Amino acid sequence: REANDLAQILFALFVSAAVTAATRDRAHLATDFFARRYS
């Protein structure tokens, strides 16, 4: 249970940074069917 609680803490911190990291890398899933045709 202690390992689970610590994992939850670290996972929350990891995800809080991972969302922005994915944005910076343009790695989010995207529906750019039309936008990829734009300049």
PDB file of all heavy atoms in Angstrom:
ATOM      1  N   ARG A   1       0.828  -1.206   0.000  1.00  0.00           N
ATOM      2  CA  ARG A   1       0.000   0.000   0.000  1.00  0.00           C
ATOM      3  C   ARG A   1       0.861   1.254   0.000  1.00  0.00           C
ATOM      4  O   ARG A   1       0.536   2.242  -0.657  1.00  0.00           O
ATOM      5  CB  ARG A   1      -0.945  -0.018   1.188  1.00  0.00           C
ATOM      6  CG  ARG A   1      -1.966  -1.153   1.064  1.00  0.00           C
ATOM      7  CD  ARG A   1      -2.799  -1.273   2.287  1.00  0.00           C
ATOM      8  NE  ARG A   1      -3.887  -0.312   2.200  1.00  0.00           N
ATOM      9  CZ  ARG A   1      -4.816  -0.167   3.115  1.00  0.00           C
ATOM     10  NH1 ARG A   1      -4.792  -0.897   4.194  1.00  0.00           N
ATOM     11  NH2 ARG A   1      -5.765   0.730   2.960  1.00  0.00           N
ATOM     12  N   GLU A   2       1.963   1.211   0.726  1.00  0.00           N
ATOM     13  CA  GLU A   2       2.876   2.353   0.745  1.00  0.00           C
ATOM     14  C   GLU A   2       3.524   2.546  -0.622  1.00  0.00           C
ATOM     15  O   GLU A   2       3.674   3.667  -1.095  1.00  0.00           O
ATOM     16  CB  GLU A   2       3.949   2.159   1.824  1.00  0.00           C
ATOM     17  CG  GLU A   2       3.437   2.305   3.237  1.00  0.00           C
ATOM     18  CD  GLU A   2       2.646   1.087   3.745  1.00  0.00           C
ATOM     19  OE1 GLU A   2       2.668   0.019   3.073  1.00  0.00           O
ATOM     20  OE2 GLU A   2       2.000   1.207   4.792  1.00  0.00           O
ATOM     21  N   ALA A   3       3.897   1.425  -1.264  1.00  0.00           N
ATOM     22  CA  ALA A   3       4.473   1.506  -2.613  1.00  0.00           C
ATOM     23  C   ALA A   3       3.457   2.081  -3.583  1.00  0.00           C
ATOM     24  O   ALA A   3       3.803   2.893  -4.445  1.00  0.00           O
ATOM     25  CB  ALA A   3       4.937   0.124  -3.080  1.00  0.00           C
ATOM     26  N   ASN A   4       2.195   1.685  -3.437  1.00  0.00           N
ATOM     27  CA  ASN A   4       1.141   2.199  -4.304  1.00  0.00           C
ATOM     28  C   ASN A   4       0.954   3.699  -4.096  1.00  0.00           C
ATOM     29  O   ASN A   4       0.829   4.455  -5.060  1.00  0.00           O
ATOM     30  CB  ASN A   4      -0.162   1.456  -4.047  1.00  0.00           C
ATOM     31  CG  ASN A   4      -1.259   1.938  -4.969  1.00  0.00           C
ATOM     32  OD1 ASN A   4      -1.120   1.898  -6.182  1.00  0.00           O
ATOM     33  ND2 ASN A   4      -2.341   2.419  -4.389  1.00  0.00           N
ATOM     34  N   ASP A   5       0.923   4.133  -2.850  1.00  0.00           N
ATOM     35  CA  ASP A   5       0.745   5.564  -2.576  1.00  0.00           C
ATOM     36  C   ASP A   5       1.903   6.381  -3.131  1.00  0.00           C
ATOM     37  O   ASP A   5       1.693   7.438  -3.742  1.00  0.00           O
ATOM     38  CB  ASP A   5       0.595   5.810  -1.076  1.00  0.00           C
ATOM     39  CG  ASP A   5      -0.741   5.315  -0.533  1.00  0.00           C
ATOM     40  OD1 ASP A   5      -1.624   4.978  -1.342  1.00  0.00           O
ATOM     41  OD2 ASP A   5      -0.877   5.263   0.707  1.00  0.00           O
ATOM     42  N   LEU A   6       3.126   5.911  -2.941  1.00  0.00           N
ATOM     43  CA  LEU A   6       4.288   6.622  -3.477  1.00  0.00           C
ATOM     44  C   LEU A   6       4.258   6.631  -5.003  1.00  0.00           C
ATOM     45  O   LEU A   6       4.564   7.643  -5.635  1.00  0.00           O
ATOM     46  CB  LEU A   6       5.591   6.000  -2.962  1.00  0.00           C
ATOM     47  CG  LEU A   6       6.875   6.685  -3.397  1.00  0.00           C
ATOM     48  CD1 LEU A   6       6.888   8.160  -3.020  1.00  0.00           C
ATOM     49  CD2 LEU A   6       8.078   5.961  -2.788  1.00  0.00           C
ATOM     50  N   ALA A   7       3.841   5.515  -5.595  1.00  0.00           N
ATOM     51  CA  ALA A   7       3.728   5.460  -7.059  1.00  0.00           C
ATOM     52  C   ALA A   7       2.688   6.460  -7.555  1.00  0.00           C
ATOM     53  O   ALA A   7       2.885   7.100  -8.595  1.00  0.00           O
ATOM     54  CB  ALA A   7       3.372   4.047  -7.513  1.00  0.00           C
ATOM     55  N   GLN A   8       1.594   6.625  -6.825  1.00  0.00           N
ATOM     56  CA  GLN A   8       0.577   7.597  -7.224  1.00  0.00           C
ATOM     57  C   GLN A   8       1.126   9.021  -7.192  1.00  0.00           C
ATOM     58  O   GLN A   8       0.847   9.822  -8.094  1.00  0.00           O
ATOM     59  CB  GLN A   8      -0.641   7.506  -6.301  1.00  0.00           C
ATOM     60  CG  GLN A   8      -1.508   6.306  -6.568  1.00  0.00           C
ATOM     61  CD  GLN A   8      -2.768   6.346  -5.733  1.00  0.00           C
ATOM     62  OE1 GLN A   8      -3.509   7.327  -5.766  1.00  0.00           O
ATOM     63  NE2 GLN A   8      -3.016   5.286  -4.980  1.00  0.00           N
ATOM     64  N   ILE A   9       1.910   9.322  -6.181  1.00  0.00           N
ATOM     65  CA  ILE A   9       2.514  10.653  -6.075  1.00  0.00           C
ATOM     66  C   ILE A   9       3.438  10.900  -7.256  1.00  0.00           C
ATOM     67  O   ILE A   9       3.345  11.926  -7.942  1.00  0.00           O
ATOM     68  CB  ILE A   9       3.291  10.794  -4.752  1.00  0.00           C
ATOM     69  CG1 ILE A   9       2.323  10.838  -3.573  1.00  0.00           C
ATOM     70  CG2 ILE A   9       4.177  12.029  -4.765  1.00  0.00           C
ATOM     71  CD1 ILE A   9       2.998  10.695  -2.220  1.00  0.00           C
ATOM     72  N   LEU A  10       4.339   9.955  -7.511  1.00  0.00           N
ATOM     73  CA  LEU A  10       5.305  10.128  -8.601  1.00  0.00           C
ATOM     74  C   LEU A  10       4.617  10.134  -9.957  1.00  0.00           C
ATOM     75  O   LEU A  10       4.999  10.888 -10.856  1.00  0.00           O
ATOM     76  CB  LEU A  10       6.374   9.036  -8.534  1.00  0.00           C
ATOM     77  CG  LEU A  10       7.253   9.057  -7.283  1.00  0.00           C
ATOM     78  CD1 LEU A  10       8.224   7.880  -7.296  1.00  0.00           C
ATOM     79  CD2 LEU A  10       7.990  10.371  -7.163  1.00  0.00           C
ATOM     80  N   PHE A  11       3.582   9.303 -10.116  1.00  0.00           N
ATOM     81  CA  PHE A  11       2.847   9.257 -11.375  1.00  0.00           C
ATOM     82  C   PHE A  11       2.133  10.584 -11.637  1.00  0.00           C
ATOM     83  O   PHE A  11       2.122  11.078 -12.764  1.00  0.00           O
ATOM     84  CB  PHE A  11       1.844   8.100 -11.373  1.00  0.00           C
ATOM     85  CG  PHE A  11       1.098   7.959 -12.661  1.00  0.00           C
ATOM     86  CD1 PHE A  11       1.729   7.468 -13.800  1.00  0.00           C
ATOM     87  CD2 PHE A  11      -0.230   8.315 -12.757  1.00  0.00           C
ATOM     88  CE1 PHE A  11       1.049   7.343 -15.003  1.00  0.00           C
ATOM     89  CE2 PHE A  11      -0.924   8.195 -13.951  1.00  0.00           C
ATOM     90  CZ  PHE A  11      -0.285   7.703 -15.075  1.00  0.00           C
ATOM     91  N   ALA A  12       1.547  11.169 -10.601  1.00  0.00           N
ATOM     92  CA  ALA A  12       0.870  12.462 -10.763  1.00  0.00           C
ATOM     93  C   ALA A  12       1.858  13.526 -11.217  1.00  0.00           C
ATOM     94  O   ALA A  12       1.562  14.323 -12.118  1.00  0.00           O
ATOM     95  CB  ALA A  12       0.203  12.876  -9.450  1.00  0.00           C
ATOM     96  N   LEU A  13       3.040  13.543 -10.623  1.00  0.00           N
ATOM     97  CA  LEU A  13       4.059  14.513 -11.034  1.00  0.00           C
ATOM     98  C   LEU A  13       4.544  14.232 -12.455  1.00  0.00           C
ATOM     99  O   LEU A  13       4.742  15.155 -13.252  1.00  0.00           O
ATOM    100  CB  LEU A  13       5.230  14.489 -10.051  1.00  0.00           C
ATOM    101  CG  LEU A  13       4.914  15.020  -8.653  1.00  0.00           C
ATOM    102  CD1 LEU A  13       6.077  14.749  -7.715  1.00  0.00           C
ATOM    103  CD2 LEU A  13       4.578  16.499  -8.707  1.00  0.00           C
ATOM    104  N   PHE A  14       4.730  12.959 -12.787  1.00  0.00           N
ATOM    105  CA  PHE A  14       5.172  12.581 -14.131  1.00  0.00           C
ATOM    106  C   PHE A  14       4.158  13.024 -15.177  1.00  0.00           C
ATOM    107  O   PHE A  14       4.511  13.631 -16.187  1.00  0.00           O
ATOM    108  CB  PHE A  14       5.410  11.075 -14.213  1.00  0.00           C
ATOM    109  CG  PHE A  14       5.699  10.599 -15.598  1.00  0.00           C
ATOM    110  CD1 PHE A  14       6.930  10.822 -16.182  1.00  0.00           C
ATOM    111  CD2 PHE A  14       4.732   9.942 -16.338  1.00  0.00           C
ATOM    112  CE1 PHE A  14       7.204  10.405 -17.473  1.00  0.00           C
ATOM    113  CE2 PHE A  14       4.997   9.515 -17.630  1.00  0.00           C
ATOM    114  CZ  PHE A  14       6.230   9.750 -18.195  1.00  0.00           C
ATOM    115  N   VAL A  15       2.885  12.728 -14.946  1.00  0.00           N
ATOM    116  CA  VAL A  15       1.849  13.081 -15.918  1.00  0.00           C
ATOM    117  C   VAL A  15       1.725  14.592 -16.053  1.00  0.00           C
ATOM    118  O   VAL A  15       1.513  15.105 -17.159  1.00  0.00           O
ATOM    119  CB  VAL A  15       0.497  12.439 -15.540  1.00  0.00           C
ATOM    120  CG1 VAL A  15      -0.649  13.017 -16.354  1.00  0.00           C
ATOM    121  CG2 VAL A  15       0.571  10.936 -15.731  1.00  0.00           C
ATOM    122  N   SER A  16       1.879  15.318 -14.938  1.00  0.00           N
ATOM    123  CA  SER A  16       1.774  16.779 -15.033  1.00  0.00           C
ATOM    124  C   SER A  16       2.831  17.349 -15.969  1.00  0.00           C
ATOM    125  O   SER A  16       2.595  18.346 -16.642  1.00  0.00           O
ATOM    126  CB  SER A  16       1.870  17.417 -13.648  1.00  0.00           C
ATOM    127  OG  SER A  16       3.161  17.296 -13.115  1.00  0.00           O
ATOM    128  N   ALA A  17       3.975  16.706 -16.048  1.00  0.00           N
ATOM    129  CA  ALA A  17       5.020  17.162 -16.966  1.00  0.00           C
ATOM    130  C   ALA A  17       4.875  16.523 -18.343  1.00  0.00           C
ATOM    131  O   ALA A  17       5.178  17.153 -19.359  1.00  0.00           O
ATOM    132  CB  ALA A  17       6.400  16.845 -16.389  1.00  0.00           C
ATOM    133  N   ALA A  18       4.389  15.291 -18.392  1.00  0.00           N
ATOM    134  CA  ALA A  18       4.318  14.558 -19.665  1.00  0.00           C
ATOM    135  C   ALA A  18       3.355  15.203 -20.653  1.00  0.00           C
ATOM    136  O   ALA A  18       3.602  15.191 -21.862  1.00  0.00           O
ATOM    137  CB  ALA A  18       3.922  13.106 -19.415  1.00  0.00           C
ATOM    138  N   VAL A  19       2.281  15.782 -20.166  1.00  0.00           N
ATOM    139  CA  VAL A  19       1.315  16.441 -21.065  1.00  0.00           C
ATOM    140  C   VAL A  19       1.999  17.593 -21.801  1.00  0.00           C
ATOM    141  O   VAL A  19       1.866  17.746 -23.019  1.00  0.00           O
ATOM    142  CB  VAL A  19       0.081  16.921 -20.270  1.00  0.00           C
ATOM    143  CG1 VAL A  19      -0.798  17.824 -21.114  1.00  0.00           C
ATOM    144  CG2 VAL A  19      -0.705  15.730 -19.761  1.00  0.00           C
ATOM    145  N   THR A  20       2.746  18.400 -21.068  1.00  0.00           N
ATOM    146  CA  THR A  20       3.445  19.521 -21.698  1.00  0.00           C
ATOM    147  C   THR A  20       4.570  19.026 -22.601  1.00  0.00           C
ATOM    148  O   THR A  20       4.797  19.587 -23.679  1.00  0.00           O
ATOM    149  CB  THR A  20       3.988  20.485 -20.627  1.00  0.00           C
ATOM    150  OG1 THR A  20       2.871  20.965 -19.875  1.00  0.00           O
ATOM    151  CG2 THR A  20       4.719  21.658 -21.248  1.00  0.00           C
ATOM    152  N   ALA A  21       5.255  17.971 -22.193  1.00  0.00           N
ATOM    153  CA  ALA A  21       6.322  17.412 -23.037  1.00  0.00           C
ATOM    154  C   ALA A  21       5.752  16.915 -24.367  1.00  0.00           C
ATOM    155  O   ALA A  21       6.348  17.143 -25.427  1.00  0.00           O
ATOM    156  CB  ALA A  21       7.043  16.281 -22.305  1.00  0.00           C
ATOM    157  N   ALA A  22       4.602  16.275 -24.316  1.00  0.00           N
ATOM    158  CA  ALA A  22       3.965  15.812 -25.557  1.00  0.00           C
ATOM    159  C   ALA A  22       3.555  16.988 -26.431  1.00  0.00           C
ATOM    160  O   ALA A  22       3.680  16.941 -27.654  1.00  0.00           O
ATOM    161  CB  ALA A  22       2.754  14.940 -25.232  1.00  0.00           C
ATOM    162  N   THR A  23       3.091  18.065 -25.806  1.00  0.00           N
ATOM    163  CA  THR A  23       2.722  19.266 -26.564  1.00  0.00           C
ATOM    164  C   THR A  23       3.953  19.855 -27.244  1.00  0.00           C
ATOM    165  O   THR A  23       3.908  20.226 -28.417  1.00  0.00           O
ATOM    166  CB  THR A  23       2.078  20.312 -25.633  1.00  0.00           C
ATOM    167  OG1 THR A  23       0.899  19.744 -25.061  1.00  0.00           O
ATOM    168  CG2 THR A  23       1.727  21.573 -26.387  1.00  0.00           C
ATOM    169  N   ARG A  24       5.052  19.941 -26.506  1.00  0.00           N
ATOM    170  CA  ARG A  24       6.288  20.504 -27.071  1.00  0.00           C
ATOM    171  C   ARG A  24       6.767  19.681 -28.265  1.00  0.00           C
ATOM    172  O   ARG A  24       7.284  20.227 -29.225  1.00  0.00           O
ATOM    173  CB  ARG A  24       7.388  20.534 -26.015  1.00  0.00           C
ATOM    174  CG  ARG A  24       7.192  21.599 -24.975  1.00  0.00           C
ATOM    175  CD  ARG A  24       8.255  21.509 -23.898  1.00  0.00           C
ATOM    176  NE  ARG A  24       9.592  21.803 -24.367  1.00  0.00           N
ATOM    177  CZ  ARG A  24      10.110  23.022 -24.450  1.00  0.00           C
ATOM    178  NH1 ARG A  24       9.385  24.066 -24.113  1.00  0.00           N
ATOM    179  NH2 ARG A  24      11.339  23.197 -24.861  1.00  0.00           N
ATOM    180  N   ASP A  25       6.607  18.366 -28.181  1.00  0.00           N
ATOM    181  CA  ASP A  25       7.069  17.481 -29.252  1.00  0.00           C
ATOM    182  C   ASP A  25       6.019  17.267 -30.338  1.00  0.00           C
ATOM    183  O   ASP A  25       6.246  16.510 -31.275  1.00  0.00           O
ATOM    184  CB  ASP A  25       7.479  16.129 -28.678  1.00  0.00           C
ATOM    185  CG  ASP A  25       8.703  16.211 -27.800  1.00  0.00           C
ATOM    186  OD1 ASP A  25       9.446  17.216 -27.899  1.00  0.00           O
ATOM    187  OD2 ASP A  25       8.923  15.283 -27.001  1.00  0.00           O
ATOM    188  N   ARG A  26       4.852  17.904 -30.171  1.00  0.00           N
ATOM    189  CA  ARG A  26       3.730  17.712 -31.094  1.00  0.00           C
ATOM    190  C   ARG A  26       3.426  16.222 -31.240  1.00  0.00           C
ATOM    191  O   ARG A  26       3.199  15.707 -32.333  1.00  0.00           O
ATOM    192  CB  ARG A  26       3.996  18.337 -32.472  1.00  0.00           C
ATOM    193  CG  ARG A  26       4.354  19.806 -32.441  1.00  0.00           C
ATOM    194  CD  ARG A  26       3.167  20.644 -31.988  1.00  0.00           C
ATOM    195  NE  ARG A  26       3.481  22.064 -32.064  1.00  0.00           N
ATOM    196  CZ  ARG A  26       3.677  22.828 -31.003  1.00  0.00           C
ATOM    197  NH1 ARG A  26       3.616  22.316 -29.807  1.00  0.00           N
ATOM    198  NH2 ARG A  26       3.932  24.103 -31.134  1.00  0.00           N
ATOM    199  N   ALA A  27       3.399  15.532 -30.098  1.00  0.00           N
ATOM    200  CA  ALA A  27       3.225  14.078 -30.094  1.00  0.00           C
ATOM    201  C   ALA A  27       1.819  13.654 -29.667  1.00  0.00           C
ATOM    202  O   ALA A  27       1.555  12.468 -29.516  1.00  0.00           O
ATOM    203  CB  ALA A  27       4.260  13.438 -29.167  1.00  0.00           C
ATOM    204  N   HIS A  28       0.916  14.603 -29.452  1.00  0.00           N
ATOM    205  CA  HIS A  28      -0.456  14.243 -29.114  1.00  0.00           C
ATOM    206  C   HIS A  28      -1.122  13.607 -30.320  1.00  0.00           C
ATOM    207  O   HIS A  28      -0.791  13.919 -31.466  1.00  0.00           O
ATOM    208  CB  HIS A  28      -1.266  15.476 -28.716  1.00  0.00           C
ATOM    209  CG  HIS A  28      -0.886  16.057 -27.403  1.00  0.00           C
ATOM    210  ND1 HIS A  28      -1.072  15.402 -26.219  1.00  0.00           N
ATOM    211  CD2 HIS A  28      -0.323  17.242 -27.089  1.00  0.00           C
ATOM    212  CE1 HIS A  28      -0.650  16.157 -25.234  1.00  0.00           C
ATOM    213  NE2 HIS A  28      -0.176  17.281 -25.737  1.00  0.00           N
ATOM    214  N   LEU A  29      -2.076  12.735 -30.061  1.00  0.00           N
ATOM    215  CA  LEU A  29      -2.898  12.248 -31.153  1.00  0.00           C
ATOM    216  C   LEU A  29      -3.663  13.431 -31.711  1.00  0.00           C
ATOM    217  O   LEU A  29      -4.188  14.246 -30.962  1.00  0.00           O
ATOM    218  CB  LEU A  29      -3.885  11.192 -30.650  1.00  0.00           C
ATOM    219  CG  LEU A  29      -3.277   9.867 -30.221  1.00  0.00           C
ATOM    220  CD1 LEU A  29      -4.376   8.965 -29.659  1.00  0.00           C
ATOM    221  CD2 LEU A  29      -2.585   9.194 -31.379  1.00  0.00           C
ATOM    222  N   ALA A  30      -3.712  13.534 -33.010  1.00  0.00           N
ATOM    223  CA  ALA A  30      -4.366  14.691 -33.613  1.00  0.00           C
ATOM    224  C   ALA A  30      -5.141  14.260 -34.850  1.00  0.00           C
ATOM    225  O   ALA A  30      -4.737  13.352 -35.563  1.00  0.00           O
ATOM    226  CB  ALA A  30      -3.324  15.739 -33.998  1.00  0.00           C
ATOM    227  N   THR A  31      -6.234  14.911 -35.047  1.00  0.00           N
ATOM    228  CA  THR A  31      -7.001  14.699 -36.269  1.00  0.00           C
ATOM    229  C   THR A  31      -6.684  15.861 -37.194  1.00  0.00           C
ATOM    230  O   THR A  31      -7.400  16.852 -37.240  1.00  0.00           O
ATOM    231  CB  THR A  31      -8.509  14.633 -35.966  1.00  0.00           C
ATOM    232  OG1 THR A  31      -8.870  15.826 -35.288  1.00  0.00           O
ATOM    233  CG2 THR A  31      -8.862  13.437 -35.120  1.00  0.00           C
ATOM    234  N   ASP A  32      -5.599  15.728 -37.883  1.00  0.00           N
ATOM    235  CA  ASP A  32      -5.144  16.817 -38.745  1.00  0.00           C
ATOM    236  C   ASP A  32      -5.376  16.499 -40.214  1.00  0.00           C
ATOM    237  O   ASP A  32      -4.610  16.900 -41.073  1.00  0.00           O
ATOM    238  CB  ASP A  32      -3.670  17.128 -38.476  1.00  0.00           C
ATOM    239  CG  ASP A  32      -2.751  15.971 -38.794  1.00  0.00           C
ATOM    240  OD1 ASP A  32      -3.259  14.840 -39.023  1.00  0.00           O
ATOM    241  OD2 ASP A  32      -1.537  16.171 -38.827  1.00  0.00           O
ATOM    242  N   PHE A  33      -6.453  15.799 -40.486  1.00  0.00           N
ATOM    243  CA  PHE A  33      -6.760  15.416 -41.855  1.00  0.00           C
ATOM    244  C   PHE A  33      -6.785  16.632 -42.782  1.00  0.00           C
ATOM    245  O   PHE A  33      -6.245  16.590 -43.884  1.00  0.00           O
ATOM    246  CB  PHE A  33      -8.101  14.671 -41.901  1.00  0.00           C
ATOM    247  CG  PHE A  33      -8.486  14.220 -43.274  1.00  0.00           C
ATOM    248  CD1 PHE A  33      -7.844  13.146 -43.860  1.00  0.00           C
ATOM    249  CD2 PHE A  33      -9.474  14.875 -43.981  1.00  0.00           C
ATOM    250  CE1 PHE A  33      -8.192  12.731 -45.139  1.00  0.00           C
ATOM    251  CE2 PHE A  33      -9.828  14.469 -45.257  1.00  0.00           C
ATOM    252  CZ  PHE A  33      -9.182  13.382 -45.833  1.00  0.00           C
ATOM    253  N   PHE A  34      -7.398  17.715 -42.315  1.00  0.00           N
ATOM    254  CA  PHE A  34      -7.457  18.923 -43.127  1.00  0.00           C
ATOM    255  C   PHE A  34      -6.242  19.811 -42.912  1.00  0.00           C
ATOM    256  O   PHE A  34      -5.707  20.396 -43.842  1.00  0.00           O
ATOM    257  CB  PHE A  34      -8.743  19.715 -42.831  1.00  0.00           C
ATOM    258  CG  PHE A  34      -9.977  18.998 -43.267  1.00  0.00           C
ATOM    259  CD1 PHE A  34     -10.837  18.461 -42.331  1.00  0.00           C
ATOM    260  CD2 PHE A  34     -10.279  18.841 -44.607  1.00  0.00           C
ATOM    261  CE1 PHE A  34     -11.975  17.783 -42.720  1.00  0.00           C
ATOM    262  CE2 PHE A  34     -11.413  18.166 -45.013  1.00  0.00           C
ATOM    263  CZ  PHE A  34     -12.271  17.638 -44.066  1.00  0.00           C
ATOM    264  N   ALA A  35      -5.812  19.926 -41.661  1.00  0.00           N
ATOM    265  CA  ALA A  35      -4.736  20.862 -41.328  1.00  0.00           C
ATOM    266  C   ALA A  35      -3.408  20.480 -41.972  1.00  0.00           C
ATOM    267  O   ALA A  35      -2.602  21.354 -42.270  1.00  0.00           O
ATOM    268  CB  ALA A  35      -4.568  20.961 -39.816  1.00  0.00           C
ATOM    269  N   ARG A  36      -3.168  19.222 -42.204  1.00  0.00           N
ATOM    270  CA  ARG A  36      -1.876  18.855 -42.808  1.00  0.00           C
ATOM    271  C   ARG A  36      -1.758  19.356 -44.247  1.00  0.00           C
ATOM    272  O   ARG A  36      -0.675  19.425 -44.792  1.00  0.00           O
ATOM    273  CB  ARG A  36      -1.649  17.350 -42.728  1.00  0.00           C
ATOM    274  CG  ARG A  36      -2.576  16.532 -43.564  1.00  0.00           C
ATOM    275  CD  ARG A  36      -2.264  15.077 -43.460  1.00  0.00           C
ATOM    276  NE  ARG A  36      -3.498  14.314 -43.623  1.00  0.00           N
ATOM    277  CZ  ARG A  36      -3.582  13.042 -43.549  1.00  0.00           C
ATOM    278  NH1 ARG A  36      -2.508  12.343 -43.297  1.00  0.00           N
ATOM    279  NH2 ARG A  36      -4.721  12.427 -43.712  1.00  0.00           N
ATOM    280  N   ARG A  37      -2.879  19.717 -44.831  1.00  0.00           N
ATOM    281  CA  ARG A  37      -2.865  20.275 -46.190  1.00  0.00           C
ATOM    282  C   ARG A  37      -2.533  21.765 -46.185  1.00  0.00           C
ATOM    283  O   ARG A  37      -2.243  22.335 -47.229  1.00  0.00           O
ATOM    284  CB  ARG A  37      -4.218  20.060 -46.861  1.00  0.00           C
ATOM    285  CG  ARG A  37      -4.565  18.600 -47.017  1.00  0.00           C
ATOM    286  CD  ARG A  37      -5.922  18.436 -47.611  1.00  0.00           C
ATOM    287  NE  ARG A  37      -6.281  17.019 -47.610  1.00  0.00           N
ATOM    288  CZ  ARG A  37      -7.478  16.561 -47.785  1.00  0.00           C
ATOM    289  NH1 ARG A  37      -8.476  17.404 -47.979  1.00  0.00           N
ATOM    290  NH2 ARG A  37      -7.726  15.289 -47.764  1.00  0.00           N
ATOM    291  N   TYR A  38      -2.610  22.388 -45.006  1.00  0.00           N
ATOM    292  CA  TYR A  38      -2.325  23.820 -44.898  1.00  0.00           C
ATOM    293  C   TYR A  38      -0.826  24.057 -44.930  1.00  0.00           C
ATOM    294  O   TYR A  38      -0.027  23.188 -44.569  1.00  0.00           O
ATOM    295  CB  TYR A  38      -2.886  24.403 -43.605  1.00  0.00           C
ATOM    296  CG  TYR A  38      -4.389  24.297 -43.453  1.00  0.00           C
ATOM    297  CD1 TYR A  38      -4.957  24.408 -42.200  1.00  0.00           C
ATOM    298  CD2 TYR A  38      -5.245  24.097 -44.526  1.00  0.00           C
ATOM    299  CE1 TYR A  38      -6.339  24.320 -42.029  1.00  0.00           C
ATOM    300  CE2 TYR A  38      -6.607  24.004 -44.367  1.00  0.00           C
ATOM    301  CZ  TYR A  38      -7.146  24.120 -43.120  1.00  0.00           C
ATOM    302  OH  TYR A  38      -8.502  24.040 -42.956  1.00  0.00           O
ATOM    303  N   SER A  39      -0.474  25.246 -45.284  1.00  0.00           N
ATOM    304  CA  SER A  39       0.943  25.608 -45.267  1.00  0.00           C
ATOM    305  C   SER A  39       1.432  25.684 -43.819  1.00  0.00           C
ATOM    306  O   SER A  39       0.641  25.803 -42.880  1.00  0.00           O
ATOM    307  CB  SER A  39       1.153  26.959 -45.947  1.00  0.00           C
ATOM    308  OG  SER A  39       0.603  27.993 -45.143  1.00  0.00           O
TER     309      SER A  39
END
